[in-house]
């Protein structure tokens, strides 16, 4: 489970469901290929949007300025 993407217990469940779905649909996938498939399924399941480090930095800066 990638800790930079999966943060909450609900997301952990989605990750496990994505792995199960990947095993069903792509039983021959192994290693990096399997990981890419699981990640793609997971992102679709949770409507993943990456957290931008630039946006996080601006938000943190804005809080410090108050």
Protein backbone atom coordinates (compact mmCIF):
# COMPACT_ATOMS: atom_id res chain seq x y z
CA UNK A 1 0.00 0.00 0.00
CA UNK A 2 1.54 3.33 -1.00
CA UNK A 3 1.58 5.55 2.10
CA UNK A 4 1.87 8.68 -0.03
CA UNK A 5 -1.57 7.95 -1.54
CA UNK A 6 -3.50 5.92 1.03
CA UNK A 7 -4.09 7.90 4.24
CA UNK A 8 -7.37 6.83 5.87
CA UNK A 9 -8.95 3.50 6.84
CA UNK A 10 -11.54 4.00 4.09
CA UNK A 11 -8.76 4.46 1.54
CA UNK A 12 -7.07 1.30 2.85
CA UNK A 13 -10.27 -0.64 2.16
CA UNK A 14 -10.44 0.83 -1.34
CA UNK A 15 -6.80 -0.21 -1.92
CA UNK A 16 -7.58 -3.79 -0.89
CA UNK A 17 -10.67 -3.83 -3.14
CA UNK A 18 -8.56 -2.52 -6.02
CA UNK A 19 -6.01 -5.30 -5.48
CA UNK A 20 -8.75 -7.92 -5.47
CA UNK A 21 -10.26 -6.49 -8.66
CA UNK A 22 -6.84 -6.43 -10.33
CA UNK A 23 -6.26 -10.09 -9.42
CA UNK A 24 -9.66 -11.01 -10.91
CA UNK A 25 -9.21 -9.09 -14.14
CA UNK A 26 -5.45 -9.57 -14.68
CA UNK A 27 -4.35 -12.86 -13.06
CA UNK A 28 -1.13 -12.90 -15.12
CA UNK A 29 0.08 -9.46 -13.91
CA UNK A 30 3.08 -9.42 -11.57
CA UNK A 31 5.42 -6.91 -9.96
CA UNK A 32 5.45 -3.39 -11.34
CA UNK A 33 2.74 -4.16 -13.88
CA UNK A 34 0.41 -5.39 -11.11
CA UNK A 35 1.15 -2.27 -9.03
CA UNK A 36 0.33 0.03 -11.98
CA UNK A 37 -2.96 -1.80 -12.57
CA UNK A 38 -3.93 -1.63 -8.88
CA UNK A 39 -3.05 2.08 -8.72
CA UNK A 40 -5.15 2.85 -11.79
CA UNK A 41 -8.15 0.97 -10.38
CA UNK A 42 -7.70 2.59 -6.95
CA UNK A 43 -7.57 6.10 -8.39
CA UNK A 44 -10.80 5.48 -10.28
CA UNK A 45 -12.48 4.06 -7.15
CA UNK A 46 -11.66 7.01 -4.91
CA UNK A 47 -11.71 9.75 -7.58
CA UNK A 48 -8.10 10.45 -6.62
CA UNK A 49 -6.71 13.94 -7.03
CA UNK A 50 -3.09 14.42 -5.97
CA UNK A 51 -2.30 17.00 -3.32
CA UNK A 52 -0.19 19.70 -4.88
CA UNK A 53 2.88 20.57 -2.83
CA UNK A 54 2.75 24.11 -4.24
CA UNK A 55 -0.85 24.54 -3.13
CA UNK A 56 -0.02 23.12 0.30
CA UNK A 57 2.91 25.51 0.60
CA UNK A 58 0.76 28.50 -0.30
CA UNK A 59 -1.90 27.47 2.20
CA UNK A 60 0.70 27.07 4.93
CA UNK A 61 2.25 30.44 4.07
CA UNK A 62 -1.16 32.07 4.16
CA UNK A 63 -1.77 30.75 7.65
CA UNK A 64 1.56 32.05 8.90
CA UNK A 65 0.89 35.55 7.59
CA UNK A 66 -2.24 36.05 9.66
